[in-house]
Amino acid sequence: MQDNKKMSDQEDMSQVYTIQSQRLDRIEEKLDNLADAVISLARAEEKIQTLTSFSKQQSEQIQNLINRIDAVETMVTQNSSTVSVINKVFWVVVVGLLSALTWEYIVHSGVFNN
């Protein structure tokens, strides 16, 4: 009977060992999954930081371009005024020359000779 009891105790211990081993395997698998999740979160955080840095750099470049466009716009306005003045002076000179040529033609043709 004692042999049977020893066998029964050994079988019980074997079952307990098997159950505990399975339980530890499940816990280990869950810990592996958790470690994978933490690694994925770290990678996602790194990507977010990279994208944030890139976004900041792009924002600075856009602001630089806006400043340059504003400067060009100011120069264009100034040049527009200068070109307008030059255009008016040109036409005044052209009209003056045409008037002088016309006067010379009239004087030399003898229209005013009486």
PDB file of N, CA and C in Angstrom:
ATOM      1  N   MET A   1       0.810  -1.169   0.000  1.00  0.00           N
ATOM      2  CA  MET A   1       0.000   0.000   0.000  1.00  0.00           C
ATOM      3  C   MET A   1       0.869   1.254   0.000  1.00  0.00           C
ATOM      4  N   GLN A   2       1.928   1.149   0.733  1.00  0.00           N
ATOM      5  CA  GLN A   2       2.837   2.285   0.755  1.00  0.00           C
ATOM      6  C   GLN A   2       3.429   2.527  -0.625  1.00  0.00           C
ATOM      7  N   ASP A   3       3.654   1.509  -1.375  1.00  0.00           N
ATOM      8  CA  ASP A   3       4.157   1.670  -2.734  1.00  0.00           C
ATOM      9  C   ASP A   3       3.128   2.402  -3.600  1.00  0.00           C
ATOM     10  N   ASN A   4       1.874   2.008  -3.378  1.00  0.00           N
ATOM     11  CA  ASN A   4       0.811   2.690  -4.130  1.00  0.00           C
ATOM     12  C   ASN A   4       0.728   4.159  -3.741  1.00  0.00           C
ATOM     13  N   LYS A   5       0.895   4.398  -2.452  1.00  0.00           N
ATOM     14  CA  LYS A   5       0.825   5.779  -1.973  1.00  0.00           C
ATOM     15  C   LYS A   5       2.005   6.580  -2.520  1.00  0.00           C
ATOM     16  N   LYS A   6       3.178   5.981  -2.550  1.00  0.00           N
ATOM     17  CA  LYS A   6       4.333   6.653  -3.091  1.00  0.00           C
ATOM     18  C   LYS A   6       4.131   6.947  -4.579  1.00  0.00           C
ATOM     19  N   MET A   7       3.587   5.986  -5.298  1.00  0.00           N
ATOM     20  CA  MET A   7       3.313   6.179  -6.722  1.00  0.00           C
ATOM     21  C   MET A   7       2.294   7.285  -6.920  1.00  0.00           C
ATOM     22  N   SER A   8       1.294   7.275  -6.075  1.00  0.00           N
ATOM     23  CA  SER A   8       0.253   8.301  -6.176  1.00  0.00           C
ATOM     24  C   SER A   8       0.837   9.672  -5.864  1.00  0.00           C
ATOM     25  N   ASP A   9       1.694   9.736  -4.846  1.00  0.00           N
ATOM     26  CA  ASP A   9       2.326  11.001  -4.490  1.00  0.00           C
ATOM     27  C   ASP A   9       3.247  11.466  -5.626  1.00  0.00           C
ATOM     28  N   GLN A  10       3.947  10.542  -6.240  1.00  0.00           N
ATOM     29  CA  GLN A  10       4.828  10.899  -7.346  1.00  0.00           C
ATOM     30  C   GLN A  10       4.030  11.391  -8.552  1.00  0.00           C
ATOM     31  N   GLU A  11       2.907  10.719  -8.794  1.00  0.00           N
ATOM     32  CA  GLU A  11       2.047  11.143  -9.898  1.00  0.00           C
ATOM     33  C   GLU A  11       1.474  12.528  -9.614  1.00  0.00           C
ATOM     34  N   ASP A  12       1.069  12.754  -8.358  1.00  0.00           N
ATOM     35  CA  ASP A  12       0.542  14.069  -7.977  1.00  0.00           C
ATOM     36  C   ASP A  12       1.614  15.137  -8.141  1.00  0.00           C
ATOM     37  N   MET A  13       2.824  14.815  -7.726  1.00  0.00           N
ATOM     38  CA  MET A  13       3.928  15.766  -7.842  1.00  0.00           C
ATOM     39  C   MET A  13       4.248  16.036  -9.317  1.00  0.00           C
ATOM     40  N   SER A  14       4.148  15.003 -10.128  1.00  0.00           N
ATOM     41  CA  SER A  14       4.412  15.143 -11.557  1.00  0.00           C
ATOM     42  C   SER A  14       3.352  16.044 -12.192  1.00  0.00           C
ATOM     43  N   GLN A  15       2.101  15.864 -11.772  1.00  0.00           N
ATOM     44  CA  GLN A  15       1.023  16.704 -12.302  1.00  0.00           C
ATOM     45  C   GLN A  15       1.202  18.159 -11.851  1.00  0.00           C
ATOM     46  N   VAL A  16       1.571  18.346 -10.578  1.00  0.00           N
ATOM     47  CA  VAL A  16       1.796  19.693 -10.065  1.00  0.00           C
ATOM     48  C   VAL A  16       2.957  20.335 -10.817  1.00  0.00           C
ATOM     49  N   TYR A  17       4.001  19.577 -11.039  1.00  0.00           N
ATOM     50  CA  TYR A  17       5.155  20.094 -11.778  1.00  0.00           C
ATOM     51  C   TYR A  17       4.745  20.479 -13.201  1.00  0.00           C
ATOM     52  N   THR A  18       3.978  19.633 -13.849  1.00  0.00           N
ATOM     53  CA  THR A  18       3.525  19.895 -15.209  1.00  0.00           C
ATOM     54  C   THR A  18       2.653  21.150 -15.245  1.00  0.00           C
ATOM     55  N   ILE A  19       1.725  21.258 -14.307  1.00  0.00           N
ATOM     56  CA  ILE A  19       0.832  22.428 -14.251  1.00  0.00           C
ATOM     57  C   ILE A  19       1.641  23.697 -14.005  1.00  0.00           C
ATOM     58  N   GLN A  20       2.579  23.623 -13.064  1.00  0.00           N
ATOM     59  CA  GLN A  20       3.413  24.786 -12.749  1.00  0.00           C
ATOM     60  C   GLN A  20       4.304  25.157 -13.942  1.00  0.00           C
ATOM     61  N   SER A  21       4.798  24.155 -14.620  1.00  0.00           N
ATOM     62  CA  SER A  21       5.635  24.392 -15.794  1.00  0.00           C
ATOM     63  C   SER A  21       4.824  25.067 -16.897  1.00  0.00           C
ATOM     64  N   GLN A  22       3.618  24.600 -17.126  1.00  0.00           N
ATOM     65  CA  GLN A  22       2.739  25.217 -18.123  1.00  0.00           C
ATOM     66  C   GLN A  22       2.407  26.657 -17.720  1.00  0.00           C
ATOM     67  N   ARG A  23       2.164  26.852 -16.456  1.00  0.00           N
ATOM     68  CA  ARG A  23       1.846  28.201 -15.960  1.00  0.00           C
ATOM     69  C   ARG A  23       3.034  29.142 -16.174  1.00  0.00           C
ATOM     70  N   LEU A  24       4.225  28.673 -15.841  1.00  0.00           N
ATOM     71  CA  LEU A  24       5.419  29.490 -16.048  1.00  0.00           C
ATOM     72  C   LEU A  24       5.653  29.766 -17.532  1.00  0.00           C
ATOM     73  N   ASP A  25       5.369  28.790 -18.384  1.00  0.00           N
ATOM     74  CA  ASP A  25       5.507  28.995 -19.831  1.00  0.00           C
ATOM     75  C   ASP A  25       4.555  30.091 -20.317  1.00  0.00           C
ATOM     76  N   ARG A  26       3.306  30.068 -19.812  1.00  0.00           N
ATOM     77  CA  ARG A  26       2.343  31.119 -20.196  1.00  0.00           C
ATOM     78  C   ARG A  26       2.805  32.492 -19.703  1.00  0.00           C
ATOM     79  N   ILE A  27       3.321  32.539 -18.480  1.00  0.00           N
ATOM     80  CA  ILE A  27       3.821  33.808 -17.934  1.00  0.00           C
ATOM     81  C   ILE A  27       5.009  34.298 -18.763  1.00  0.00           C
ATOM     82  N   GLU A  28       5.900  33.385 -19.102  1.00  0.00           N
ATOM     83  CA  GLU A  28       7.066  33.749 -19.907  1.00  0.00           C
ATOM     84  C   GLU A  28       6.629  34.269 -21.282  1.00  0.00           C
ATOM     85  N   GLU A  29       5.644  33.629 -21.883  1.00  0.00           N
ATOM     86  CA  GLU A  29       5.141  34.077 -23.184  1.00  0.00           C
ATOM     87  C   GLU A  29       4.523  35.479 -23.073  1.00  0.00           C
ATOM     88  N   LYS A  30       3.783  35.716 -21.997  1.00  0.00           N
ATOM     89  CA  LYS A  30       3.186  37.035 -21.786  1.00  0.00           C
ATOM     90  C   LYS A  30       4.265  38.091 -21.575  1.00  0.00           C
ATOM     91  N   LEU A  31       5.337  37.739 -20.859  1.00  0.00           N
ATOM     92  CA  LEU A  31       6.441  38.676 -20.657  1.00  0.00           C
ATOM     93  C   LEU A  31       7.145  38.976 -21.985  1.00  0.00           C
ATOM     94  N   ASP A  32       7.295  37.968 -22.836  1.00  0.00           N
ATOM     95  CA  ASP A  32       7.894  38.182 -24.160  1.00  0.00           C
ATOM     96  C   ASP A  32       7.031  39.128 -24.998  1.00  0.00           C
ATOM     97  N   ASN A  33       5.716  38.902 -24.936  1.00  0.00           N
ATOM     98  CA  ASN A  33       4.803  39.790 -25.667  1.00  0.00           C
ATOM     99  C   ASN A  33       4.882  41.218 -25.130  1.00  0.00           C
ATOM    100  N   LEU A  34       4.985  41.340 -23.829  1.00  0.00           N
ATOM    101  CA  LEU A  34       5.097  42.658 -23.208  1.00  0.00           C
ATOM    102  C   LEU A  34       6.403  43.335 -23.619  1.00  0.00           C
ATOM    103  N   ALA A  35       7.492  42.578 -23.650  1.00  0.00           N
ATOM    104  CA  ALA A  35       8.780  43.129 -24.079  1.00  0.00           C
ATOM    105  C   ALA A  35       8.700  43.584 -25.528  1.00  0.00           C
ATOM    106  N   ASP A  36       8.060  42.803 -26.386  1.00  0.00           N
ATOM    107  CA  ASP A  36       7.883  43.196 -27.789  1.00  0.00           C
ATOM    108  C   ASP A  36       7.070  44.481 -27.891  1.00  0.00           C
ATOM    109  N   ALA A  37       6.041  44.597 -27.061  1.00  0.00           N
ATOM    110  CA  ALA A  37       5.212  45.810 -27.077  1.00  0.00           C
ATOM    111  C   ALA A  37       6.019  47.026 -26.639  1.00  0.00           C
ATOM    112  N   VAL A  38       6.858  46.869 -25.626  1.00  0.00           N
ATOM    113  CA  VAL A  38       7.691  47.989 -25.153  1.00  0.00           C
ATOM    114  C   VAL A  38       8.676  48.406 -26.244  1.00  0.00           C
ATOM    115  N   ILE A  39       9.257  47.436 -26.930  1.00  0.00           N
ATOM    116  CA  ILE A  39      10.191  47.746 -28.028  1.00  0.00           C
ATOM    117  C   ILE A  39       9.457  48.481 -29.142  1.00  0.00           C
ATOM    118  N   SER A  40       8.251  48.030 -29.469  1.00  0.00           N
ATOM    119  CA  SER A  40       7.464  48.705 -30.511  1.00  0.00           C
ATOM    120  C   SER A  40       7.136  50.138 -30.099  1.00  0.00           C
ATOM    121  N   LEU A  41       6.798  50.339 -28.835  1.00  0.00           N
ATOM    122  CA  LEU A  41       6.518  51.696 -28.347  1.00  0.00           C
ATOM    123  C   LEU A  41       7.759  52.578 -28.430  1.00  0.00           C
ATOM    124  N   ALA A  42       8.903  52.019 -28.100  1.00  0.00           N
ATOM    125  CA  ALA A  42      10.146  52.798 -28.171  1.00  0.00           C
ATOM    126  C   ALA A  42      10.441  53.188 -29.620  1.00  0.00           C
ATOM    127  N   ARG A  43      10.228  52.270 -30.550  1.00  0.00           N
ATOM    128  CA  ARG A  43      10.442  52.587 -31.965  1.00  0.00           C
ATOM    129  C   ARG A  43       9.468  53.660 -32.433  1.00  0.00           C
ATOM    130  N   ALA A  44       8.208  53.542 -32.010  1.00  0.00           N
ATOM    131  CA  ALA A  44       7.213  54.546 -32.398  1.00  0.00           C
ATOM    132  C   ALA A  44       7.578  55.914 -31.836  1.00  0.00           C
ATOM    133  N   GLU A  45       8.054  55.940 -30.595  1.00  0.00           N
ATOM    134  CA  GLU A  45       8.458  57.213 -29.984  1.00  0.00           C
ATOM    135  C   GLU A  45       9.635  57.823 -30.738  1.00  0.00           C
ATOM    136  N   GLU A  46      10.571  56.988 -31.147  1.00  0.00           N
ATOM    137  CA  GLU A  46      11.728  57.471 -31.910  1.00  0.00           C
ATOM    138  C   GLU A  46      11.282  58.051 -33.253  1.00  0.00           C
ATOM    139  N   LYS A  47      10.329  57.380 -33.915  1.00  0.00           N
ATOM    140  CA  LYS A  47       9.807  57.887 -35.184  1.00  0.00           C
ATOM    141  C   LYS A  47       9.093  59.217 -34.966  1.00  0.00           C
ATOM    142  N   ILE A  48       8.332  59.315 -33.899  1.00  0.00           N
ATOM    143  CA  ILE A  48       7.623  60.565 -33.598  1.00  0.00           C
ATOM    144  C   ILE A  48       8.617  61.691 -33.363  1.00  0.00           C
ATOM    145  N   GLN A  49       9.688  61.419 -32.646  1.00  0.00           N
ATOM    146  CA  GLN A  49      10.699  62.446 -32.404  1.00  0.00           C
ATOM    147  C   GLN A  49      11.364  62.865 -33.712  1.00  0.00           C
ATOM    148  N   THR A  50      11.654  61.899 -34.574  1.00  0.00           N
ATOM    149  CA  THR A  50      12.260  62.208 -35.869  1.00  0.00           C
ATOM    150  C   THR A  50      11.314  63.069 -36.709  1.00  0.00           C
ATOM    151  N   LEU A  51      10.033  62.691 -36.741  1.00  0.00           N
ATOM    152  CA  LEU A  51       9.063  63.463 -37.511  1.00  0.00           C
ATOM    153  C   LEU A  51       8.873  64.860 -36.935  1.00  0.00           C
ATOM    154  N   THR A  52       8.905  64.974 -35.620  1.00  0.00           N
ATOM    155  CA  THR A  52       8.783  66.286 -34.980  1.00  0.00           C
ATOM    156  C   THR A  52       9.970  67.164 -35.344  1.00  0.00           C
ATOM    157  N   SER A  53      11.155  66.594 -35.308  1.00  0.00           N
ATOM    158  CA  SER A  53      12.356  67.333 -35.684  1.00  0.00           C
ATOM    159  C   SER A  53      12.289  67.757 -37.143  1.00  0.00           C
ATOM    160  N   PHE A  54      11.867  66.854 -38.012  1.00  0.00           N
ATOM    161  CA  PHE A  54      11.745  67.162 -39.433  1.00  0.00           C
ATOM    162  C   PHE A  54      10.711  68.260 -39.653  1.00  0.00           C
ATOM    163  N   SER A  55       9.596  68.177 -38.941  1.00  0.00           N
ATOM    164  CA  SER A  55       8.537  69.182 -39.053  1.00  0.00           C
ATOM    165  C   SER A  55       9.042  70.549 -38.611  1.00  0.00           C
ATOM    166  N   LYS A  56       9.816  70.579 -37.538  1.00  0.00           N
ATOM    167  CA  LYS A  56      10.371  71.848 -37.048  1.00  0.00           C
ATOM    168  C   LYS A  56      11.327  72.430 -38.086  1.00  0.00           C
ATOM    169  N   GLN A  57      12.161  71.585 -38.670  1.00  0.00           N
ATOM    170  CA  GLN A  57      13.102  72.033 -39.700  1.00  0.00           C
ATOM    171  C   GLN A  57      12.350  72.583 -40.907  1.00  0.00           C
ATOM    172  N   GLN A  58      11.306  71.890 -41.328  1.00  0.00           N
ATOM    173  CA  GLN A  58      10.505  72.349 -42.459  1.00  0.00           C
ATOM    174  C   GLN A  58       9.831  73.684 -42.143  1.00  0.00           C
ATOM    175  N   SER A  59       9.349  73.824 -40.934  1.00  0.00           N
ATOM    176  CA  SER A  59       8.715  75.073 -40.519  1.00  0.00           C
ATOM    177  C   SER A  59       9.702  76.231 -40.575  1.00  0.00           C
ATOM    178  N   GLU A  60      10.924  75.993 -40.126  1.00  0.00           N
ATOM    179  CA  GLU A  60      11.952  77.034 -40.176  1.00  0.00           C
ATOM    180  C   GLU A  60      12.290  77.403 -41.619  1.00  0.00           C
ATOM    181  N   GLN A  61      12.375  76.403 -42.487  1.00  0.00           N
ATOM    182  CA  GLN A  61      12.668  76.667 -43.894  1.00  0.00           C
ATOM    183  C   GLN A  61      11.535  77.445 -44.551  1.00  0.00           C
ATOM    184  N   ILE A  62      10.299  77.105 -44.225  1.00  0.00           N
ATOM    185  CA  ILE A  62       9.151  77.822 -44.775  1.00  0.00           C
ATOM    186  C   ILE A  62       9.170  79.266 -44.309  1.00  0.00           C
ATOM    187  N   GLN A  63       9.460  79.481 -43.024  1.00  0.00           N
ATOM    188  CA  GLN A  63       9.527  80.846 -42.503  1.00  0.00           C
ATOM    189  C   GLN A  63      10.633  81.635 -43.199  1.00  0.00           C
ATOM    190  N   ASN A  64      11.767  80.993 -43.449  1.00  0.00           N
ATOM    191  CA  ASN A  64      12.862  81.635 -44.173  1.00  0.00           C
ATOM    192  C   ASN A  64      12.416  82.038 -45.585  1.00  0.00           C
ATOM    193  N   LEU A  65      11.701  81.148 -46.260  1.00  0.00           N
ATOM    194  CA  LEU A  65      11.204  81.456 -47.603  1.00  0.00           C
ATOM    195  C   LEU A  65      10.189  82.599 -47.568  1.00  0.00           C
ATOM    196  N   ILE A  66       9.336  82.617 -46.561  1.00  0.00           N
ATOM    197  CA  ILE A  66       8.360  83.705 -46.426  1.00  0.00           C
ATOM    198  C   ILE A  66       9.079  85.034 -46.246  1.00  0.00           C
ATOM    199  N   ASN A  67      10.124  85.036 -45.425  1.00  0.00           N
ATOM    200  CA  ASN A  67      10.893  86.267 -45.221  1.00  0.00           C
ATOM    201  C   ASN A  67      11.555  86.719 -46.521  1.00  0.00           C
ATOM    202  N   ARG A  68      12.090  85.762 -47.266  1.00  0.00           N
ATOM    203  CA  ARG A  68      12.731  86.107 -48.539  1.00  0.00           C
ATOM    204  C   ARG A  68      11.699  86.650 -49.533  1.00  0.00           C
ATOM    205  N   ILE A  69      10.537  86.059 -49.580  1.00  0.00           N
ATOM    206  CA  ILE A  69       9.486  86.524 -50.491  1.00  0.00           C
ATOM    207  C   ILE A  69       9.048  87.933 -50.103  1.00  0.00           C
ATOM    208  N   ASP A  70       8.939  88.197 -48.797  1.00  0.00           N
ATOM    209  CA  ASP A  70       8.590  89.549 -48.348  1.00  0.00           C
ATOM    210  C   ASP A  70       9.643  90.560 -48.794  1.00  0.00           C
ATOM    211  N   ALA A  71      10.911  90.187 -48.692  1.00  0.00           N
ATOM    212  CA  ALA A  71      11.987  91.081 -49.110  1.00  0.00           C
ATOM    213  C   ALA A  71      11.917  91.331 -50.619  1.00  0.00           C
ATOM    214  N   VAL A  72      11.655  90.276 -51.397  1.00  0.00           N
ATOM    215  CA  VAL A  72      11.539  90.427 -52.851  1.00  0.00           C
ATOM    216  C   VAL A  72      10.328  91.297 -53.189  1.00  0.00           C
ATOM    217  N   GLU A  73       9.250  91.121 -52.466  1.00  0.00           N
ATOM    218  CA  GLU A  73       8.052  91.925 -52.703  1.00  0.00           C
ATOM    219  C   GLU A  73       8.337  93.412 -52.454  1.00  0.00           C
ATOM    220  N   THR A  74       9.080  93.710 -51.401  1.00  0.00           N
ATOM    221  CA  THR A  74       9.463  95.095 -51.114  1.00  0.00           C
ATOM    222  C   THR A  74      10.327  95.651 -52.241  1.00  0.00           C
ATOM    223  N   MET A  75      11.282  94.856 -52.713  1.00  0.00           N
ATOM    224  CA  MET A  75      12.156  95.305 -53.803  1.00  0.00           C
ATOM    225  C   MET A  75      11.349  95.519 -55.079  1.00  0.00           C
ATOM    226  N   VAL A  76      10.391  94.658 -55.355  1.00  0.00           N
ATOM    227  CA  VAL A  76       9.566  94.795 -56.554  1.00  0.00           C
ATOM    228  C   VAL A  76       8.756  96.085 -56.478  1.00  0.00           C
ATOM    229  N   THR A  77       8.225  96.401 -55.319  1.00  0.00           N
ATOM    230  CA  THR A  77       7.461  97.634 -55.155  1.00  0.00           C
ATOM    231  C   THR A  77       8.348  98.844 -55.417  1.00  0.00           C
ATOM    232  N   GLN A  78       9.563  98.825 -54.875  1.00  0.00           N
ATOM    233  CA  GLN A  78      10.496  99.926 -55.098  1.00  0.00           C
ATOM    234  C   GLN A  78      10.875 100.016 -56.575  1.00  0.00           C
ATOM    235  N   ASN A  79      11.152  98.896 -57.182  1.00  0.00           N
ATOM    236  CA  ASN A  79      11.521  98.884 -58.602  1.00  0.00           C
ATOM    237  C   ASN A  79      10.350  99.337 -59.479  1.00  0.00           C
ATOM    238  N   SER A  80       9.156  98.999 -59.078  1.00  0.00           N
ATOM    239  CA  SER A  80       7.978  99.426 -59.831  1.00  0.00           C
ATOM    240  C   SER A  80       7.883 100.943 -59.843  1.00  0.00           C
ATOM    241  N   SER A  81       8.128 101.566 -58.710  1.00  0.00           N
ATOM    242  CA  SER A  81       8.106 103.028 -58.649  1.00  0.00           C
ATOM    243  C   SER A  81       9.207 103.614 -59.528  1.00  0.00           C
ATOM    244  N   THR A  82      10.392 103.043 -59.469  1.00  0.00           N
ATOM    245  CA  THR A  82      11.516 103.527 -60.273  1.00  0.00           C
ATOM    246  C   THR A  82      11.217 103.376 -61.759  1.00  0.00           C
ATOM    247  N   VAL A  83      10.694 102.249 -62.164  1.00  0.00           N
ATOM    248  CA  VAL A  83      10.375 102.009 -63.570  1.00  0.00           C
ATOM    249  C   VAL A  83       9.287 102.981 -64.028  1.00  0.00           C
ATOM    250  N   SER A  84       8.330 103.255 -63.171  1.00  0.00           N
ATOM    251  CA  SER A  84       7.273 104.206 -63.518  1.00  0.00           C
ATOM    252  C   SER A  84       7.859 105.590 -63.785  1.00  0.00           C
ATOM    253  N   VAL A  85       8.786 106.027 -62.941  1.00  0.00           N
ATOM    254  CA  VAL A  85       9.428 107.331 -63.132  1.00  0.00           C
ATOM    255  C   VAL A  85      10.245 107.326 -64.418  1.00  0.00           C
ATOM    256  N   ILE A  86      11.020 106.261 -64.653  1.00  0.00           N
ATOM    257  CA  ILE A  86      11.843 106.163 -65.860  1.00  0.00           C
ATOM    258  C   ILE A  86      10.944 106.187 -67.102  1.00  0.00           C
ATOM    259  N   ASN A  87       9.819 105.494 -67.049  1.00  0.00           N
ATOM    260  CA  ASN A  87       8.878 105.460 -68.167  1.00  0.00           C
ATOM    261  C   ASN A  87       8.365 106.868 -68.468  1.00  0.00           C
ATOM    262  N   LYS A  88       8.001 107.593 -67.437  1.00  0.00           N
ATOM    263  CA  LYS A  88       7.504 108.964 -67.638  1.00  0.00           C
ATOM    264  C   LYS A  88       8.596 109.869 -68.203  1.00  0.00           C
ATOM    265  N   VAL A  89       9.806 109.752 -67.693  1.00  0.00           N
ATOM    266  CA  VAL A  89      10.914 110.561 -68.198  1.00  0.00           C
ATOM    267  C   VAL A  89      11.183 110.227 -69.661  1.00  0.00           C
ATOM    268  N   PHE A  90      11.158 108.948 -70.008  1.00  0.00           N
ATOM    269  CA  PHE A  90      11.366 108.521 -71.396  1.00  0.00           C
ATOM    270  C   PHE A  90      10.357 109.186 -72.323  1.00  0.00           C
ATOM    271  N   TRP A  91       9.091 109.144 -71.943  1.00  0.00           N
ATOM    272  CA  TRP A  91       8.069 109.727 -72.825  1.00  0.00           C
ATOM    273  C   TRP A  91       8.188 111.245 -72.895  1.00  0.00           C
ATOM    274  N   VAL A  92       8.606 111.866 -71.798  1.00  0.00           N
ATOM    275  CA  VAL A  92       8.827 113.316 -71.845  1.00  0.00           C
ATOM    276  C   VAL A  92       9.951 113.633 -72.824  1.00  0.00           C
ATOM    277  N   VAL A  93      11.040 112.859 -72.786  1.00  0.00           N
ATOM    278  CA  VAL A  93      12.164 113.073 -73.708  1.00  0.00           C
ATOM    279  C   VAL A  93      11.722 112.817 -75.139  1.00  0.00           C
ATOM    280  N   VAL A  94      10.982 111.736 -75.386  1.00  0.00           N
ATOM    281  CA  VAL A  94      10.519 111.417 -76.742  1.00  0.00           C
ATOM    282  C   VAL A  94       9.625 112.538 -77.263  1.00  0.00           C
ATOM    283  N   VAL A  95       8.689 113.002 -76.460  1.00  0.00           N
ATOM    284  CA  VAL A  95       7.797 114.086 -76.888  1.00  0.00           C
ATOM    285  C   VAL A  95       8.609 115.359 -77.130  1.00  0.00           C
ATOM    286  N   GLY A  96       9.586 115.651 -76.280  1.00  0.00           N
ATOM    287  CA  GLY A  96      10.441 116.818 -76.472  1.00  0.00           C
ATOM    288  C   GLY A  96      11.211 116.738 -77.767  1.00  0.00           C
ATOM    289  N   LEU A  97      11.801 115.566 -78.052  1.00  0.00           N
ATOM    290  CA  LEU A  97      12.540 115.391 -79.310  1.00  0.00           C
ATOM    291  C   LEU A  97      11.632 115.533 -80.520  1.00  0.00           C
ATOM    292  N   LEU A  98      10.456 114.933 -80.457  1.00  0.00           N
ATOM    293  CA  LEU A  98       9.516 115.048 -81.576  1.00  0.00           C
ATOM    294  C   LEU A  98       9.077 116.504 -81.773  1.00  0.00           C
ATOM    295  N   SER A  99       8.877 117.192 -80.665  1.00  0.00           N
ATOM    296  CA  SER A  99       8.497 118.612 -80.758  1.00  0.00           C
ATOM    297  C   SER A  99       9.622 119.423 -81.381  1.00  0.00           C
ATOM    298  N   ALA A 100      10.859 119.140 -80.973  1.00  0.00           N
ATOM    299  CA  ALA A 100      12.005 119.869 -81.522  1.00  0.00           C
ATOM    300  C   ALA A 100      12.158 119.571 -82.994  1.00  0.00           C
ATOM    301  N   LEU A 101      12.032 118.308 -83.406  1.00  0.00           N
ATOM    302  CA  LEU A 101      12.126 117.954 -84.825  1.00  0.00           C
ATOM    303  C   LEU A 101      11.011 118.612 -85.636  1.00  0.00           C
ATOM    304  N   THR A 102       9.831 118.585 -85.099  1.00  0.00           N
ATOM    305  CA  THR A 102       8.707 119.230 -85.794  1.00  0.00           C
ATOM    306  C   THR A 102       8.942 120.730 -85.931  1.00  0.00           C
ATOM    307  N   TRP A 103       9.425 121.371 -84.899  1.00  0.00           N
ATOM    308  CA  TRP A 103       9.716 122.814 -84.943  1.00  0.00           C
ATOM    309  C   TRP A 103      10.780 123.114 -85.992  1.00  0.00           C
ATOM    310  N   GLU A 104      11.823 122.281 -86.001  1.00  0.00           N
ATOM    311  CA  GLU A 104      12.877 122.489 -86.997  1.00  0.00           C
ATOM    312  C   GLU A 104      12.321 122.311 -88.410  1.00  0.00           C
ATOM    313  N   TYR A 105      11.518 121.351 -88.619  1.00  0.00           N
ATOM    314  CA  TYR A 105      10.929 121.114 -89.940  1.00  0.00           C
ATOM    315  C   TYR A 105      10.079 122.309 -90.361  1.00  0.00           C
ATOM    316  N   ILE A 106       9.282 122.800 -89.428  1.00  0.00           N
ATOM    317  CA  ILE A 106       8.407 123.927 -89.746  1.00  0.00           C
ATOM    318  C   ILE A 106       9.245 125.176 -90.045  1.00  0.00           C
ATOM    319  N   VAL A 107      10.264 125.418 -89.256  1.00  0.00           N
ATOM    320  CA  VAL A 107      11.098 126.604 -89.437  1.00  0.00           C
ATOM    321  C   VAL A 107      11.839 126.517 -90.760  1.00  0.00           C
ATOM    322  N   HIS A 108      12.411 125.374 -91.106  1.00  0.00           N
ATOM    323  CA  HIS A 108      13.180 125.233 -92.342  1.00  0.00           C
ATOM    324  C   HIS A 108      12.303 125.143 -93.598  1.00  0.00           C
ATOM    325  N   SER A 109      11.075 124.748 -93.432  1.00  0.00           N
ATOM    326  CA  SER A 109      10.211 124.660 -94.609  1.00  0.00           C
ATOM    327  C   SER A 109       9.665 126.014 -95.026  1.00  0.00           C
ATOM    328  N   GLY A 110       9.824 126.986 -94.200  1.00  0.00           N
ATOM    329  CA  GLY A 110       9.418 128.332 -94.537  1.00  0.00           C
ATOM    330  C   GLY A 110       7.949 128.609 -94.308  1.00  0.00           C
ATOM    331  N   VAL A 111       7.307 127.854 -93.483  1.00  0.00           N
ATOM    332  CA  VAL A 111       5.903 128.083 -93.209  1.00  0.00           C
ATOM    333  C   VAL A 111       5.712 129.427 -92.521  1.00  0.00           C
ATOM    334  N   PHE A 112       6.633 129.865 -91.705  1.00  0.00           N
ATOM    335  CA  PHE A 112       6.488 131.122 -90.994  1.00  0.00           C
ATOM    336  C   PHE A 112       7.217 132.279 -91.709  1.00  0.00           C
ATOM    337  N   ASN A 113       7.757 132.032 -92.866  1.00  0.00           N
ATOM    338  CA  ASN A 113       8.415 133.112 -93.633  1.00  0.00           C
ATOM    339  C   ASN A 113       7.354 133.890 -94.397  1.00  0.00           C
ATOM    340  N   ASN A 114       7.214 135.066 -94.102  1.00  0.00           N
ATOM    341  CA  ASN A 114       6.255 135.917 -94.814  1.00  0.00           C
ATOM    342  C   ASN A 114       6.913 136.937 -95.604  1.00  0.00           C
TER     343      ASN A 114
END
